[in-house]
Protein backbone atom coordinates (compact mmCIF):
# COMPACT_ATOMS: atom_id res chain seq x y z
CA UNK A 1 0.00 0.00 0.00
CA UNK A 2 1.40 3.38 -1.00
CA UNK A 3 -0.10 6.48 0.65
CA UNK A 4 -0.42 10.07 -0.62
CA UNK A 5 2.79 11.87 -1.62
CA UNK A 6 4.87 8.69 -1.27
CA UNK A 7 7.54 8.01 -3.90
CA UNK A 8 8.86 4.65 -5.12
CA UNK A 9 11.77 5.25 -7.49
CA UNK A 10 13.18 3.13 -10.30
CA UNK A 11 14.91 -0.11 -9.30
CA UNK A 12 13.19 -0.18 -5.89
CA UNK A 13 11.51 -3.45 -4.87
CA UNK A 14 8.48 -3.14 -2.59
CA UNK A 15 7.26 -6.68 -1.91
CA UNK A 16 3.87 -8.08 -0.85
CA UNK A 17 2.17 -6.36 2.08
CA UNK A 18 4.56 -3.39 2.23
CA UNK A 19 3.28 -0.04 3.51
CA UNK A 20 4.94 3.20 2.38
CA UNK A 21 3.27 5.88 4.46
CA UNK A 22 2.49 9.50 3.49
CA UNK A 23 5.56 11.31 2.20
CA UNK A 24 7.75 8.20 2.45
CA UNK A 25 10.48 7.72 -0.17
CA UNK A 26 11.92 4.41 -1.32
CA UNK A 27 14.92 5.29 -3.46
CA UNK A 28 16.96 3.28 -5.98
CA UNK A 29 18.19 -0.23 -5.20
CA UNK A 30 16.12 -0.44 -2.01
CA UNK A 31 14.24 -3.61 -1.06
CA UNK A 32 11.23 -3.49 1.25
CA UNK A 33 10.63 -7.10 2.24
CA UNK A 34 7.19 -8.58 2.87
CA UNK A 35 5.05 -6.87 5.52
CA UNK A 36 7.58 -4.10 6.23
CA UNK A 37 6.57 -0.48 6.77
CA UNK A 38 8.23 2.84 6.03
CA UNK A 39 6.80 5.59 8.25
CA UNK A 40 5.56 9.10 7.54
CA UNK A 41 8.20 11.24 5.75
CA UNK A 42 10.86 8.52 6.15
CA UNK A 43 13.36 7.93 3.35
CA UNK A 44 15.31 4.81 2.45
CA UNK A 45 17.99 4.40 -0.24
CA UNK A 46 20.08 1.44 -1.32
CA UNK A 47 19.14 -0.64 1.71
CA UNK A 48 16.92 -3.52 2.73
CA UNK A 49 14.05 -3.21 5.20
CA UNK A 50 13.72 -6.69 6.68
CA UNK A 51 10.51 -8.76 6.78
CA UNK A 52 8.15 -7.56 9.49
CA UNK A 53 10.25 -4.48 10.26
CA UNK A 54 9.10 -0.92 10.61
CA UNK A 55 11.32 2.12 10.34
CA UNK A 56 13.16 3.11 13.53
CA UNK A 57 11.85 6.68 13.47
CA UNK A 58 8.62 5.23 14.84
CA UNK A 59 10.46 3.52 17.69
CA UNK A 60 9.62 0.04 16.39
CA UNK A 61 12.36 -2.41 15.46
CA UNK A 62 10.19 -5.39 14.60
CA UNK A 63 6.48 -5.43 13.97
CA UNK A 64 6.32 -9.17 13.27
CA UNK A 65 4.58 -10.63 10.26
CA UNK A 66 1.07 -11.96 9.99
CA UNK A 67 0.25 -15.61 10.27
């Protein structure tokens, strides 16, 4: 799910169940694994957000993954 004003650039790989919140940016060569979340106005470039993880700006290191 990609919210308003979010950007997913070329060569980025958002996988199943990913949430890119309002104003979030997923830059080149970034991989958002299944059920990960990038918070409001967060930016990620050339990195991997692990399965079930949320961005640390929200104070959450692992959100777990559904079922």
